[in-house]
Amino acid sequence: MIVTRPRSAAPDDAPSGEQLQPCELRREVHDAESVLLVCGASGTALGRPGRDDATIAAACNACPIPEALRDRRACLHLRPIRLHEADKWQAFLSCRWFYNLRPEWQPRSLDTLCTGCPYWFPRPPVESIPRYWDETEHIRRVVSRARTQKRDVPEQRQTPPPSRSAGFWQRLREALLGWI
């Protein structure tokens, strides 16, 4: 049986002396063997404390999401995600209201996301936000799919170039109104 619970945000709660920045999205998964740390923003396992301390510290301390969550503009609707693209981690600060408008483009700072938002509401602890993890997983899938799939470009209608024997006004009319 696997039991998941949020990881304590205290910095002295780091595995084996590695100093981790506090993060409310880091969770512990308890199984029969031991404890596994999971990044809630990426949905991936970071490693086992005591065995993978350097890997955990490298992944967690390089992440800009905890800093954004401590900002006064962090909102109830903020759903930070991390995606592994081009052999490096990318952090995005998605909004549950607006992530689907352009899922291939997600903001990387609260300046481009939360300034002047009509839906802004102070961010409570993650545990008190209903369906937080389900919504975050859904947003992560939508954004990942949009960023990896090839964009479908509508096929341009090919029109033959105007003949040079035509006069200036006829070429202009064909260029402007060629579809008529």
Protein backbone atom coordinates (compact mmCIF):
# COMPACT_ATOMS: atom_id res chain seq x y z
CA MET A 1 0.00 0.00 0.00
CA ILE A 2 1.28 3.46 -0.94
CA VAL A 3 0.48 6.41 1.28
CA THR A 4 1.10 9.94 0.04
CA ARG A 5 1.39 12.96 2.27
CA PRO A 6 2.86 16.44 1.80
CA ARG A 7 6.49 16.95 2.61
CA SER A 8 7.19 19.32 5.45
CA ALA A 9 8.30 22.73 4.29
CA ALA A 10 10.91 23.16 7.01
CA PRO A 11 14.42 23.55 5.56
CA ASP A 12 15.95 21.41 8.30
CA ASP A 13 13.77 18.52 7.10
CA ALA A 14 16.21 17.84 4.27
CA PRO A 15 17.56 14.36 3.62
CA SER A 16 20.91 13.54 5.25
CA GLY A 17 22.24 17.05 5.67
CA GLU A 18 21.49 18.28 2.13
CA GLN A 19 19.86 21.68 2.50
CA LEU A 20 16.64 21.83 0.44
CA GLN A 21 14.62 24.94 -0.15
CA PRO A 22 11.15 24.68 1.39
CA CYS A 23 8.50 23.55 -1.10
CA GLU A 24 4.85 22.82 -0.45
CA LEU A 25 4.67 20.67 -3.59
CA ARG A 26 7.30 18.12 -2.51
CA ARG A 27 5.53 15.01 -1.20
CA GLU A 28 6.50 11.79 0.51
CA VAL A 29 5.25 8.47 -0.80
CA HIS A 30 5.48 5.67 1.75
CA ASP A 31 5.65 2.12 0.46
CA ALA A 32 6.80 -1.18 1.95
CA GLU A 33 10.49 -0.44 1.29
CA SER A 34 10.99 3.13 2.41
CA VAL A 35 10.07 6.73 1.66
CA LEU A 36 10.16 8.19 -1.83
CA LEU A 37 10.16 11.95 -2.45
CA VAL A 38 7.94 13.08 -5.34
CA CYS A 39 7.87 16.48 -7.03
CA GLY A 40 4.21 17.46 -7.20
CA ALA A 41 4.86 20.00 -9.98
CA SER A 42 6.38 17.42 -12.33
CA GLY A 43 4.75 14.27 -11.05
CA THR A 44 8.11 12.48 -11.01
CA ALA A 45 9.98 10.70 -8.27
CA LEU A 46 13.01 12.62 -7.04
CA GLY A 47 14.58 9.75 -5.15
CA ARG A 48 14.85 8.13 -1.75
CA PRO A 49 16.20 10.21 1.15
CA GLY A 50 19.48 8.84 2.44
CA ARG A 51 20.28 7.19 -0.87
CA ASP A 52 19.66 9.87 -3.54
CA ASP A 53 20.37 13.03 -1.55
CA ALA A 54 22.53 14.73 -4.18
CA THR A 55 19.98 14.07 -6.94
CA ILE A 56 17.12 15.34 -4.79
CA ALA A 57 19.02 18.47 -3.79
CA ALA A 58 20.04 19.21 -7.40
CA ALA A 59 16.47 18.90 -8.68
CA CYS A 60 14.80 20.80 -5.83
CA ASN A 61 17.29 23.62 -5.34
CA ALA A 62 17.33 24.51 -9.05
CA CYS A 63 13.54 24.86 -9.19
CA PRO A 64 12.05 28.41 -9.28
CA ILE A 65 8.56 27.26 -8.24
CA PRO A 66 8.97 27.52 -4.42
CA GLU A 67 10.10 31.13 -4.79
CA ALA A 68 7.03 31.92 -6.91
CA LEU A 69 4.73 30.25 -4.38
CA ARG A 70 6.12 32.47 -1.60
CA ASP A 71 5.38 35.62 -3.61
CA ARG A 72 2.45 37.73 -2.39
CA ARG A 73 0.86 37.49 -5.85
CA ALA A 74 0.67 33.67 -5.77
CA CYS A 75 -2.98 32.80 -6.23
CA LEU A 76 -5.47 30.09 -5.41
CA HIS A 77 -5.69 29.31 -9.13
CA LEU A 78 -1.93 29.02 -9.68
CA ARG A 79 -0.90 25.53 -10.82
CA PRO A 80 2.89 25.40 -11.22
CA ILE A 81 4.17 22.58 -13.40
CA ARG A 82 7.58 21.28 -14.46
CA LEU A 83 8.23 19.54 -17.77
CA HIS A 84 11.38 17.78 -18.94
CA GLU A 85 12.17 19.23 -22.37
CA ALA A 86 15.37 19.12 -24.37
CA ASP A 87 17.27 17.35 -21.57
CA LYS A 88 16.48 20.01 -18.97
CA TRP A 89 13.65 20.90 -16.63
CA GLN A 90 11.34 23.77 -17.57
CA ALA A 91 9.13 25.37 -14.90
CA PHE A 92 5.83 27.02 -15.85
CA LEU A 93 3.35 28.92 -13.70
CA SER A 94 0.03 27.89 -15.21
CA CYS A 95 -3.33 29.26 -14.19
CA ARG A 96 -6.34 26.99 -13.94
CA TRP A 97 -8.44 29.66 -15.68
CA PHE A 98 -6.17 30.51 -18.59
CA TYR A 99 -3.84 27.54 -19.28
CA ASN A 100 -6.01 26.30 -22.13
CA LEU A 101 -6.03 29.54 -24.14
CA ARG A 102 -2.53 28.87 -25.48
CA PRO A 103 -1.31 25.67 -23.83
CA GLU A 104 1.96 25.67 -25.78
CA TRP A 105 2.86 29.02 -24.18
CA GLN A 106 2.81 29.13 -20.40
CA PRO A 107 4.18 31.98 -18.26
CA ARG A 108 7.41 31.56 -16.35
CA SER A 109 6.84 34.40 -13.90
CA LEU A 110 3.98 35.85 -11.92
CA ASP A 111 4.54 39.22 -13.61
CA THR A 112 3.10 37.94 -16.86
CA LEU A 113 0.38 35.89 -15.21
CA CYS A 114 -1.15 37.47 -12.14
CA THR A 115 -0.83 41.21 -12.57
CA GLY A 116 -4.32 42.65 -12.86
CA CYS A 117 -6.11 39.27 -12.93
CA PRO A 118 -9.84 39.54 -12.10
CA TYR A 119 -9.87 36.03 -10.60
CA TRP A 120 -7.00 36.58 -8.15
CA PHE A 121 -7.55 35.15 -4.67
CA PRO A 122 -4.90 34.66 -1.93
CA ARG A 123 -3.30 31.23 -2.02
CA PRO A 124 -4.18 28.93 0.87
CA PRO A 125 -2.12 25.84 1.76
CA VAL A 126 -2.22 23.14 -0.92
CA GLU A 127 -4.01 20.72 1.40
CA SER A 128 -7.06 23.01 1.55
CA ILE A 129 -7.45 23.41 -2.25
CA PRO A 130 -10.02 20.86 -3.51
CA ARG A 131 -8.86 18.58 -6.36
CA TYR A 132 -5.50 20.40 -6.55
CA TRP A 133 -3.44 17.37 -7.61
CA ASP A 134 -5.99 16.14 -10.18
CA GLU A 135 -6.21 19.57 -11.82
CA THR A 136 -2.44 19.98 -11.80
CA GLU A 137 -1.98 16.59 -13.48
CA HIS A 138 -4.58 17.48 -16.13
CA ILE A 139 -2.95 20.85 -16.83
CA ARG A 140 0.48 19.19 -17.04
CA ARG A 141 -0.81 16.68 -19.62
CA VAL A 142 -2.51 19.37 -21.74
CA VAL A 143 0.53 21.67 -21.73
CA SER A 144 2.97 18.81 -22.39
CA ARG A 145 0.90 17.55 -25.31
CA ALA A 146 0.62 21.06 -26.80
CA ARG A 147 4.34 21.73 -26.47
CA THR A 148 5.43 18.41 -28.01
CA GLN A 149 2.97 17.93 -30.86
CA LYS A 150 3.68 19.45 -34.21
CA ARG A 151 1.61 22.54 -34.84
CA ASP A 152 -0.90 22.07 -37.62
CA VAL A 153 -0.44 24.93 -40.04
CA PRO A 154 -3.39 25.50 -42.36
CA GLU A 155 -2.50 24.80 -45.94
CA GLN A 156 -2.04 27.97 -47.95
CA ARG A 157 -3.96 28.17 -51.19
CA GLN A 158 -1.52 28.37 -54.03
CA THR A 159 -2.42 31.03 -56.57
CA PRO A 160 -0.41 31.44 -59.72
CA PRO A 161 1.66 34.62 -59.87
CA PRO A 162 0.11 37.37 -61.98
CA SER A 163 1.40 37.49 -65.53
CA ARG A 164 3.81 40.25 -66.36
CA SER A 165 1.89 41.15 -69.49
CA ALA A 166 -1.02 42.35 -67.36
CA GLY A 167 -1.16 46.03 -66.55
CA PHE A 168 -0.42 47.52 -63.13
CA TRP A 169 -4.09 47.88 -62.12
CA GLN A 170 -4.93 44.35 -63.17
CA ARG A 171 -1.97 42.94 -61.18
CA LEU A 172 -3.01 45.00 -58.13
CA ARG A 173 -6.60 43.81 -58.40
CA GLU A 174 -5.45 40.18 -58.68
CA ALA A 175 -3.12 40.60 -55.71
CA LEU A 176 -5.77 42.19 -53.52
CA LEU A 177 -8.89 40.45 -54.75
CA GLY A 178 -7.50 37.28 -56.24
CA TRP A 179 -9.90 35.16 -54.30
CA ILE A 180 -12.97 36.70 -56.01
